[in-house]
PDB file of N, CA and C in Angstrom:
ATOM      1  N   MET A   1       9.910  46.728 -92.607  1.00  0.00           N
ATOM      2  CA  MET A   1       9.450  47.775 -93.506  1.00  0.00           C
ATOM      3  C   MET A   1       8.351  48.592 -92.861  1.00  0.00           C
ATOM      4  N   ILE A   2       7.507  47.982 -92.035  1.00  0.00           N
ATOM      5  CA  ILE A   2       6.461  48.731 -91.359  1.00  0.00           C
ATOM      6  C   ILE A   2       7.078  49.759 -90.426  1.00  0.00           C
ATOM      7  N   TRP A   3       8.178  49.387 -89.725  1.00  0.00           N
ATOM      8  CA  TRP A   3       8.849  50.322 -88.815  1.00  0.00           C
ATOM      9  C   TRP A   3       9.325  51.547 -89.563  1.00  0.00           C
ATOM     10  N   ARG A   4       9.951  51.331 -90.731  1.00  0.00           N
ATOM     11  CA  ARG A   4      10.468  52.449 -91.520  1.00  0.00           C
ATOM     12  C   ARG A   4       9.342  53.353 -92.000  1.00  0.00           C
ATOM     13  N   THR A   5       8.234  52.772 -92.415  1.00  0.00           N
ATOM     14  CA  THR A   5       7.089  53.556 -92.838  1.00  0.00           C
ATOM     15  C   THR A   5       6.501  54.402 -91.708  1.00  0.00           C
ATOM     16  N   THR A   6       6.453  53.823 -90.517  1.00  0.00           N
ATOM     17  CA  THR A   6       5.960  54.542 -89.351  1.00  0.00           C
ATOM     18  C   THR A   6       6.863  55.726 -89.022  1.00  0.00           C
ATOM     19  N   ILE A   7       8.172  55.502 -89.010  1.00  0.00           N
ATOM     20  CA  ILE A   7       9.110  56.598 -88.729  1.00  0.00           C
ATOM     21  C   ILE A   7       9.014  57.678 -89.776  1.00  0.00           C
ATOM     22  N   MET A   8       8.948  57.344 -91.033  1.00  0.00           N
ATOM     23  CA  MET A   8       8.883  58.326 -92.091  1.00  0.00           C
ATOM     24  C   MET A   8       7.559  59.110 -92.011  1.00  0.00           C
ATOM     25  N   SER A   9       6.471  58.452 -91.699  1.00  0.00           N
ATOM     26  CA  SER A   9       5.189  59.174 -91.626  1.00  0.00           C
ATOM     27  C   SER A   9       5.128  60.093 -90.416  1.00  0.00           C
ATOM     28  N   SER A  10       5.778  59.702 -89.314  1.00  0.00           N
ATOM     29  CA  SER A  10       5.779  60.566 -88.113  1.00  0.00           C
ATOM     30  C   SER A  10       6.620  61.815 -88.361  1.00  0.00           C
ATOM     31  N   LYS A  11       7.616  61.738 -89.268  1.00  0.00           N
ATOM     32  CA  LYS A  11       8.429  62.895 -89.576  1.00  0.00           C
ATOM     33  C   LYS A  11       7.715  63.807 -90.562  1.00  0.00           C
ATOM     34  N   ALA A  12       6.749  63.303 -91.309  1.00  0.00           N
ATOM     35  CA  ALA A  12       6.017  64.119 -92.268  1.00  0.00           C
ATOM     36  C   ALA A  12       4.849  64.867 -91.663  1.00  0.00           C
ATOM     37  N   ASN A  13       4.294  64.346 -90.586  1.00  0.00           N
ATOM     38  CA  ASN A  13       3.144  64.964 -89.940  1.00  0.00           C
ATOM     39  C   ASN A  13       3.580  65.842 -88.771  1.00  0.00           C
ATOM     40  N   PRO A  14       3.067  67.045 -88.661  1.00  0.00           N
ATOM     41  CA  PRO A  14       3.446  67.906 -87.555  1.00  0.00           C
ATOM     42  C   PRO A  14       2.950  67.317 -86.230  1.00  0.00           C
ATOM     43  N   ILE A  15       3.764  67.501 -85.164  1.00  0.00           N
ATOM     44  CA  ILE A  15       3.397  67.004 -83.837  1.00  0.00           C
ATOM     45  C   ILE A  15       2.911  68.115 -82.938  1.00  0.00           C
ATOM     46  N   SER A  16       3.253  69.365 -83.304  1.00  0.00           N
ATOM     47  CA  SER A  16       2.843  70.536 -82.524  1.00  0.00           C
ATOM     48  C   SER A  16       3.183  71.776 -83.365  1.00  0.00           C
ATOM     49  N   HIS A  17       3.202  72.937 -82.697  1.00  0.00           N
ATOM     50  CA  HIS A  17       3.610  74.179 -83.345  1.00  0.00           C
ATOM     51  C   HIS A  17       4.356  75.007 -82.325  1.00  0.00           C
ATOM     52  N   ASP A  18       5.122  75.991 -82.806  1.00  0.00           N
ATOM     53  CA  ASP A  18       5.864  76.835 -81.888  1.00  0.00           C
ATOM     54  C   ASP A  18       5.142  78.154 -81.629  1.00  0.00           C
ATOM     55  N   LYS A  19       5.795  79.068 -80.908  1.00  0.00           N
ATOM     56  CA  LYS A  19       5.127  80.320 -80.557  1.00  0.00           C
ATOM     57  C   LYS A  19       4.855  81.198 -81.777  1.00  0.00           C
ATOM     58  N   ASN A  20       5.539  80.961 -82.885  1.00  0.00           N
ATOM     59  CA  ASN A  20       5.334  81.718 -84.104  1.00  0.00           C
ATOM     60  C   ASN A  20       4.381  81.023 -85.069  1.00  0.00           C
ATOM     61  N   GLY A  21       3.836  79.887 -84.677  1.00  0.00           N
ATOM     62  CA  GLY A  21       2.906  79.152 -85.516  1.00  0.00           C
ATOM     63  C   GLY A  21       3.577  78.183 -86.477  1.00  0.00           C
ATOM     64  N   ARG A  22       4.917  78.081 -86.453  1.00  0.00           N
ATOM     65  CA  ARG A  22       5.635  77.137 -87.315  1.00  0.00           C
ATOM     66  C   ARG A  22       5.389  75.714 -86.833  1.00  0.00           C
ATOM     67  N   LYS A  23       5.303  74.780 -87.758  1.00  0.00           N
ATOM     68  CA  LYS A  23       5.036  73.394 -87.403  1.00  0.00           C
ATOM     69  C   LYS A  23       6.275  72.746 -86.818  1.00  0.00           C
ATOM     70  N   VAL A  24       6.073  71.921 -85.771  1.00  0.00           N
ATOM     71  CA  VAL A  24       7.119  71.133 -85.151  1.00  0.00           C
ATOM     72  C   VAL A  24       6.930  69.694 -85.611  1.00  0.00           C
ATOM     73  N   PHE A  25       8.002  69.075 -86.108  1.00  0.00           N
ATOM     74  CA  PHE A  25       7.940  67.679 -86.575  1.00  0.00           C
ATOM     75  C   PHE A  25       8.786  66.817 -85.614  1.00  0.00           C
ATOM     76  N   ALA A  26       8.672  65.511 -85.762  1.00  0.00           N
ATOM     77  CA  ALA A  26       9.426  64.558 -84.904  1.00  0.00           C
ATOM     78  C   ALA A  26      10.933  64.714 -85.102  1.00  0.00           C
ATOM     79  N   ASP A  27      11.374  65.256 -86.229  1.00  0.00           N
ATOM     80  CA  ASP A  27      12.808  65.421 -86.471  1.00  0.00           C
ATOM     81  C   ASP A  27      13.222  66.905 -86.466  1.00  0.00           C
ATOM     82  N   SER A  28      12.434  67.741 -85.800  1.00  0.00           N
ATOM     83  CA  SER A  28      12.756  69.164 -85.680  1.00  0.00           C
ATOM     84  C   SER A  28      13.760  69.403 -84.569  1.00  0.00           C
ATOM     85  N   ILE A  29      14.578  70.427 -84.746  1.00  0.00           N
ATOM     86  CA  ILE A  29      15.404  70.929 -83.658  1.00  0.00           C
ATOM     87  C   ILE A  29      14.650  72.113 -83.063  1.00  0.00           C
ATOM     88  N   VAL A  30      14.418  72.041 -81.738  1.00  0.00           N
ATOM     89  CA  VAL A  30      13.556  72.989 -81.055  1.00  0.00           C
ATOM     90  C   VAL A  30      14.392  73.752 -80.005  1.00  0.00           C
ATOM     91  N   LEU A  31      14.166  75.023 -79.897  1.00  0.00           N
ATOM     92  CA  LEU A  31      14.808  75.861 -78.882  1.00  0.00           C
ATOM     93  C   LEU A  31      13.774  76.249 -77.849  1.00  0.00           C
ATOM     94  N   ASP A  32      14.067  75.957 -76.590  1.00  0.00           N
ATOM     95  CA  ASP A  32      13.196  76.347 -75.486  1.00  0.00           C
ATOM     96  C   ASP A  32      13.911  77.444 -74.707  1.00  0.00           C
ATOM     97  N   LYS A  33      13.485  78.691 -74.895  1.00  0.00           N
ATOM     98  CA  LYS A  33      14.176  79.821 -74.256  1.00  0.00           C
ATOM     99  C   LYS A  33      13.961  79.849 -72.750  1.00  0.00           C
ATOM    100  N   THR A  34      12.859  79.320 -72.281  1.00  0.00           N
ATOM    101  CA  THR A  34      12.582  79.273 -70.856  1.00  0.00           C
ATOM    102  C   THR A  34      13.582  78.371 -70.124  1.00  0.00           C
ATOM    103  N   ALA A  35      13.855  77.194 -70.732  1.00  0.00           N
ATOM    104  CA  ALA A  35      14.786  76.247 -70.128  1.00  0.00           C
ATOM    105  C   ALA A  35      16.197  76.396 -70.668  1.00  0.00           C
ATOM    106  N   THR A  36      16.423  77.381 -71.551  1.00  0.00           N
ATOM    107  CA  THR A  36      17.710  77.551 -72.240  1.00  0.00           C
ATOM    108  C   THR A  36      18.253  76.209 -72.757  1.00  0.00           C
ATOM    109  N   GLU A  37      17.426  75.533 -73.516  1.00  0.00           N
ATOM    110  CA  GLU A  37      17.753  74.191 -73.975  1.00  0.00           C
ATOM    111  C   GLU A  37      17.369  74.020 -75.445  1.00  0.00           C
ATOM    112  N   ILE A  38      18.205  73.254 -76.154  1.00  0.00           N
ATOM    113  CA  ILE A  38      17.929  72.906 -77.541  1.00  0.00           C
ATOM    114  C   ILE A  38      17.841  71.389 -77.621  1.00  0.00           C
ATOM    115  N   TYR A  39      16.776  70.888 -78.247  1.00  0.00           N
ATOM    116  CA  TYR A  39      16.549  69.438 -78.237  1.00  0.00           C
ATOM    117  C   TYR A  39      15.729  68.982 -79.443  1.00  0.00           C
ATOM    118  N   ILE A  40      15.660  67.703 -79.627  1.00  0.00           N
ATOM    119  CA  ILE A  40      14.806  67.047 -80.621  1.00  0.00           C
ATOM    120  C   ILE A  40      13.688  66.387 -79.838  1.00  0.00           C
ATOM    121  N   PRO A  41      12.433  66.677 -80.137  1.00  0.00           N
ATOM    122  CA  PRO A  41      11.307  66.101 -79.347  1.00  0.00           C
ATOM    123  C   PRO A  41      11.330  64.578 -79.331  1.00  0.00           C
ATOM    124  N   VAL A  42      10.882  64.045 -78.217  1.00  0.00           N
ATOM    125  CA  VAL A  42      10.724  62.570 -78.045  1.00  0.00           C
ATOM    126  C   VAL A  42       9.291  62.294 -77.650  1.00  0.00           C
ATOM    127  N   LYS A  43       8.843  61.073 -77.913  1.00  0.00           N
ATOM    128  CA  LYS A  43       7.473  60.680 -77.579  1.00  0.00           C
ATOM    129  C   LYS A  43       7.499  59.812 -76.339  1.00  0.00           C
ATOM    130  N   CYS A  44       6.669  60.153 -75.368  1.00  0.00           N
ATOM    131  CA  CYS A  44       6.612  59.426 -74.102  1.00  0.00           C
ATOM    132  C   CYS A  44       5.131  59.355 -73.654  1.00  0.00           C
ATOM    133  N   GLY A  45       4.592  58.166 -73.574  1.00  0.00           N
ATOM    134  CA  GLY A  45       3.229  57.999 -73.127  1.00  0.00           C
ATOM    135  C   GLY A  45       2.220  58.699 -74.048  1.00  0.00           C
ATOM    136  N   GLY A  46       2.483  58.739 -75.323  1.00  0.00           N
ATOM    137  CA  GLY A  46       1.576  59.334 -76.283  1.00  0.00           C
ATOM    138  C   GLY A  46       1.721  60.833 -76.431  1.00  0.00           C
ATOM    139  N   LEU A  47       2.611  61.457 -75.627  1.00  0.00           N
ATOM    140  CA  LEU A  47       2.837  62.888 -75.729  1.00  0.00           C
ATOM    141  C   LEU A  47       4.232  63.185 -76.266  1.00  0.00           C
ATOM    142  N   TRP A  48       4.378  64.280 -77.000  1.00  0.00           N
ATOM    143  CA  TRP A  48       5.681  64.713 -77.477  1.00  0.00           C
ATOM    144  C   TRP A  48       6.213  65.763 -76.535  1.00  0.00           C
ATOM    145  N   GLY A  49       7.512  65.712 -76.298  1.00  0.00           N
ATOM    146  CA  GLY A  49       8.110  66.684 -75.401  1.00  0.00           C
ATOM    147  C   GLY A  49       9.609  66.517 -75.289  1.00  0.00           C
ATOM    148  N   ASP A  50      10.122  66.896 -74.121  1.00  0.00           N
ATOM    149  CA  ASP A  50      11.527  66.920 -73.835  1.00  0.00           C
ATOM    150  C   ASP A  50      11.808  66.035 -72.612  1.00  0.00           C
ATOM    151  N   GLU A  51      12.715  65.088 -72.747  1.00  0.00           N
ATOM    152  CA  GLU A  51      13.118  64.244 -71.645  1.00  0.00           C
ATOM    153  C   GLU A  51      14.477  64.715 -71.182  1.00  0.00           C
ATOM    154  N   PHE A  52      14.530  65.188 -69.927  1.00  0.00           N
ATOM    155  CA  PHE A  52      15.780  65.758 -69.413  1.00  0.00           C
ATOM    156  C   PHE A  52      15.969  65.279 -67.972  1.00  0.00           C
ATOM    157  N   MET A  53      17.102  64.623 -67.712  1.00  0.00           N
ATOM    158  CA  MET A  53      17.456  64.114 -66.397  1.00  0.00           C
ATOM    159  C   MET A  53      16.318  63.304 -65.775  1.00  0.00           C
ATOM    160  N   SER A  54      15.813  62.334 -66.558  1.00  0.00           N
ATOM    161  CA  SER A  54      14.752  61.423 -66.138  1.00  0.00           C
ATOM    162  C   SER A  54      13.402  62.061 -65.897  1.00  0.00           C
ATOM    163  N   ASP A  55      13.216  63.321 -66.269  1.00  0.00           N
ATOM    164  CA  ASP A  55      11.933  63.982 -66.194  1.00  0.00           C
ATOM    165  C   ASP A  55      11.424  64.263 -67.599  1.00  0.00           C
ATOM    166  N   PHE A  56      10.122  64.239 -67.778  1.00  0.00           N
ATOM    167  CA  PHE A  56       9.516  64.496 -69.068  1.00  0.00           C
ATOM    168  C   PHE A  56       8.702  65.796 -69.027  1.00  0.00           C
ATOM    169  N   TYR A  57       8.958  66.656 -70.010  1.00  0.00           N
ATOM    170  CA  TYR A  57       8.220  67.908 -70.088  1.00  0.00           C
ATOM    171  C   TYR A  57       7.514  67.972 -71.426  1.00  0.00           C
ATOM    172  N   PRO A  58       6.171  68.015 -71.442  1.00  0.00           N
ATOM    173  CA  PRO A  58       5.423  68.102 -72.716  1.00  0.00           C
ATOM    174  C   PRO A  58       5.774  69.385 -73.473  1.00  0.00           C
ATOM    175  N   LEU A  59       5.664  69.336 -74.781  1.00  0.00           N
ATOM    176  CA  LEU A  59       5.928  70.536 -75.592  1.00  0.00           C
ATOM    177  C   LEU A  59       4.967  71.664 -75.178  1.00  0.00           C
ATOM    178  N   ASP A  60       5.500  72.850 -74.981  1.00  0.00           N
ATOM    179  CA  ASP A  60       4.718  74.021 -74.651  1.00  0.00           C
ATOM    180  C   ASP A  60       4.872  75.006 -75.790  1.00  0.00           C
ATOM    181  N   PRO A  61       3.890  75.067 -76.703  1.00  0.00           N
ATOM    182  CA  PRO A  61       4.017  75.942 -77.900  1.00  0.00           C
ATOM    183  C   PRO A  61       4.378  77.392 -77.555  1.00  0.00           C
ATOM    184  N   ALA A  62       3.989  77.882 -76.408  1.00  0.00           N
ATOM    185  CA  ALA A  62       4.244  79.303 -76.081  1.00  0.00           C
ATOM    186  C   ALA A  62       5.725  79.549 -75.773  1.00  0.00           C
ATOM    187  N   SER A  63       6.487  78.491 -75.415  1.00  0.00           N
ATOM    188  CA  SER A  63       7.874  78.735 -75.025  1.00  0.00           C
ATOM    189  C   SER A  63       8.904  78.126 -75.969  1.00  0.00           C
ATOM    190  N   ILE A  64       8.468  77.507 -77.048  1.00  0.00           N
ATOM    191  CA  ILE A  64       9.426  76.877 -77.982  1.00  0.00           C
ATOM    192  C   ILE A  64       9.475  77.595 -79.310  1.00  0.00           C
ATOM    193  N   GLU A  65      10.623  77.409 -79.975  1.00  0.00           N
ATOM    194  CA  GLU A  65      10.820  77.986 -81.296  1.00  0.00           C
ATOM    195  C   GLU A  65      11.552  76.975 -82.157  1.00  0.00           C
ATOM    196  N   VAL A  66      11.068  76.732 -83.352  1.00  0.00           N
ATOM    197  CA  VAL A  66      11.699  75.774 -84.263  1.00  0.00           C
ATOM    198  C   VAL A  66      12.942  76.419 -84.876  1.00  0.00           C
ATOM    199  N   ILE A  67      14.069  75.759 -84.703  1.00  0.00           N
ATOM    200  CA  ILE A  67      15.297  76.237 -85.336  1.00  0.00           C
ATOM    201  C   ILE A  67      15.405  75.642 -86.726  1.00  0.00           C
ATOM    202  N   LYS A  68      15.125  74.350 -86.859  1.00  0.00           N
ATOM    203  CA  LYS A  68      15.147  73.673 -88.162  1.00  0.00           C
ATOM    204  C   LYS A  68      14.057  72.644 -88.147  1.00  0.00           C
ATOM    205  N   PRO A  69      13.082  72.738 -89.099  1.00  0.00           N
ATOM    206  CA  PRO A  69      11.923  71.828 -89.081  1.00  0.00           C
ATOM    207  C   PRO A  69      12.275  70.362 -89.369  1.00  0.00           C
ATOM    208  N   HIS A  70      13.210  70.102 -90.243  1.00  0.00           N
ATOM    209  CA  HIS A  70      13.635  68.725 -90.548  1.00  0.00           C
ATOM    210  C   HIS A  70      15.152  68.728 -90.460  1.00  0.00           C
ATOM    211  N   ALA A  71      15.677  68.013 -89.473  1.00  0.00           N
ATOM    212  CA  ALA A  71      17.114  68.108 -89.191  1.00  0.00           C
ATOM    213  C   ALA A  71      17.766  66.725 -89.114  1.00  0.00           C
ATOM    214  N   THR A  72      19.089  66.748 -89.151  1.00  0.00           N
ATOM    215  CA  THR A  72      19.900  65.560 -88.969  1.00  0.00           C
ATOM    216  C   THR A  72      20.818  65.800 -87.763  1.00  0.00           C
ATOM    217  N   MET A  73      21.546  64.783 -87.370  1.00  0.00           N
ATOM    218  CA  MET A  73      22.514  64.928 -86.301  1.00  0.00           C
ATOM    219  C   MET A  73      23.613  65.908 -86.700  1.00  0.00           C
ATOM    220  N   LYS A  74      23.966  65.960 -87.972  1.00  0.00           N
ATOM    221  CA  LYS A  74      24.960  66.932 -88.434  1.00  0.00           C
ATOM    222  C   LYS A  74      24.495  68.362 -88.218  1.00  0.00           C
ATOM    223  N   ASP A  75      23.212  68.603 -88.419  1.00  0.00           N
ATOM    224  CA  ASP A  75      22.661  69.936 -88.171  1.00  0.00           C
ATOM    225  C   ASP A  75      22.791  70.303 -86.682  1.00  0.00           C
ATOM    226  N   LEU A  76      22.498  69.342 -85.824  1.00  0.00           N
ATOM    227  CA  LEU A  76      22.602  69.570 -84.383  1.00  0.00           C
ATOM    228  C   LEU A  76      24.054  69.809 -83.986  1.00  0.00           C
ATOM    229  N   GLN A  77      24.978  69.074 -84.577  1.00  0.00           N
ATOM    230  CA  GLN A  77      26.402  69.265 -84.271  1.00  0.00           C
ATOM    231  C   GLN A  77      26.887  70.629 -84.707  1.00  0.00           C
ATOM    232  N   LYS A  78      26.386  71.118 -85.849  1.00  0.00           N
ATOM    233  CA  LYS A  78      26.744  72.467 -86.298  1.00  0.00           C
ATOM    234  C   LYS A  78      26.284  73.524 -85.296  1.00  0.00           C
ATOM    235  N   LEU A  79      25.074  73.342 -84.794  1.00  0.00           N
ATOM    236  CA  LEU A  79      24.562  74.287 -83.794  1.00  0.00           C
ATOM    237  C   LEU A  79      25.392  74.254 -82.522  1.00  0.00           C
ATOM    238  N   MET A  80      25.873  73.076 -82.138  1.00  0.00           N
ATOM    239  CA  MET A  80      26.673  72.946 -80.932  1.00  0.00           C
ATOM    240  C   MET A  80      27.988  73.746 -81.055  1.00  0.00           C
ATOM    241  N   ARG A  81      28.513  73.801 -82.273  1.00  0.00           N
ATOM    242  CA  ARG A  81      29.760  74.534 -82.506  1.00  0.00           C
ATOM    243  C   ARG A  81      29.531  76.018 -82.730  1.00  0.00           C
ATOM    244  N   SER A  82      28.273  76.443 -82.875  1.00  0.00           N
ATOM    245  CA  SER A  82      27.949  77.813 -83.167  1.00  0.00           C
ATOM    246  C   SER A  82      28.039  78.688 -81.931  1.00  0.00           C
ATOM    247  N   ASP A  83      28.623  79.877 -82.072  1.00  0.00           N
ATOM    248  CA  ASP A  83      28.685  80.832 -80.965  1.00  0.00           C
ATOM    249  C   ASP A  83      27.309  81.357 -80.609  1.00  0.00           C
ATOM    250  N   LYS A  84      26.387  81.385 -81.549  1.00  0.00           N
ATOM    251  CA  LYS A  84      25.056  81.937 -81.337  1.00  0.00           C
ATOM    252  C   LYS A  84      24.321  81.208 -80.212  1.00  0.00           C
ATOM    253  N   TYR A  85      24.562  79.907 -80.090  1.00  0.00           N
ATOM    254  CA  TYR A  85      23.846  79.099 -79.102  1.00  0.00           C
ATOM    255  C   TYR A  85      24.776  78.576 -78.000  1.00  0.00           C
ATOM    256  N   SER A  86      25.863  79.283 -77.744  1.00  0.00           N
ATOM    257  CA  SER A  86      26.846  78.812 -76.761  1.00  0.00           C
ATOM    258  C   SER A  86      26.316  78.758 -75.338  1.00  0.00           C
ATOM    259  N   GLY A  87      25.298  79.531 -75.016  1.00  0.00           N
ATOM    260  CA  GLY A  87      24.767  79.533 -73.643  1.00  0.00           C
ATOM    261  C   GLY A  87      23.642  78.528 -73.413  1.00  0.00           C
ATOM    262  N   TYR A  88      23.335  77.718 -74.416  1.00  0.00           N
ATOM    263  CA  TYR A  88      22.236  76.778 -74.310  1.00  0.00           C
ATOM    264  C   TYR A  88      22.711  75.346 -74.000  1.00  0.00           C
ATOM    265  N   ILE A  89      21.843  74.580 -73.331  1.00  0.00           N
ATOM    266  CA  ILE A  89      22.082  73.152 -73.088  1.00  0.00           C
ATOM    267  C   ILE A  89      21.595  72.388 -74.299  1.00  0.00           C
ATOM    268  N   PHE A  90      22.399  71.478 -74.803  1.00  0.00           N
ATOM    269  CA  PHE A  90      21.995  70.632 -75.908  1.00  0.00           C
ATOM    270  C   PHE A  90      21.630  69.255 -75.364  1.00  0.00           C
ATOM    271  N   ASN A  91      20.348  68.922 -75.443  1.00  0.00           N
ATOM    272  CA  ASN A  91      19.863  67.630 -74.962  1.00  0.00           C
ATOM    273  C   ASN A  91      19.733  66.686 -76.143  1.00  0.00           C
ATOM    274  N   THR A  92      20.643  65.728 -76.226  1.00  0.00           N
ATOM    275  CA  THR A  92      20.632  64.740 -77.314  1.00  0.00           C
ATOM    276  C   THR A  92      20.243  63.354 -76.841  1.00  0.00           C
ATOM    277  N   SER A  93      19.896  63.213 -75.580  1.00  0.00           N
ATOM    278  CA  SER A  93      19.581  61.883 -75.041  1.00  0.00           C
ATOM    279  C   SER A  93      18.337  61.274 -75.661  1.00  0.00           C
ATOM    280  N   GLY A  94      17.397  62.072 -76.123  1.00  0.00           N
ATOM    281  CA  GLY A  94      16.193  61.543 -76.722  1.00  0.00           C
ATOM    282  C   GLY A  94      16.213  61.562 -78.213  1.00  0.00           C
ATOM    283  N   ASP A  95      17.415  61.599 -78.794  1.00  0.00           N
ATOM    284  CA  ASP A  95      17.572  61.722 -80.234  1.00  0.00           C
ATOM    285  C   ASP A  95      16.806  60.646 -81.011  1.00  0.00           C
ATOM    286  N   SER A  96      15.903  61.080 -81.868  1.00  0.00           N
ATOM    287  CA  SER A  96      15.151  60.146 -82.717  1.00  0.00           C
ATOM    288  C   SER A  96      15.700  60.105 -84.117  1.00  0.00           C
ATOM    289  N   LEU A  97      16.810  60.762 -84.366  1.00  0.00           N
ATOM    290  CA  LEU A  97      17.369  60.831 -85.717  1.00  0.00           C
ATOM    291  C   LEU A  97      18.302  59.685 -86.024  1.00  0.00           C
ATOM    292  N   GLY A  98      18.786  59.026 -84.981  1.00  0.00           N
ATOM    293  CA  GLY A  98      19.645  57.859 -85.139  1.00  0.00           C
ATOM    294  C   GLY A  98      20.820  58.037 -85.959  1.00  0.00           C
TER     295      GLY A  98
END
């Protein structure tokens, strides 16, 4: 039960913000236009960011944009099928949505 409470509280508290000032949560879908990548933030060594090909990149508020503040895997799958984001890499390796 403690694990579930911890996960739920981490999804309720913002972990960062994007370039527009919108709050980023642990279950947010984030677009990084610099890296042309869409991902769900992961926590590594106390920092939130993006884990891609065994490298970790901390969240950079100036280059990210929140697509959906609280998301599920179904939301991410819908984006993958969308023509709007067809040129982006979808990084699901760090998925915290289970």
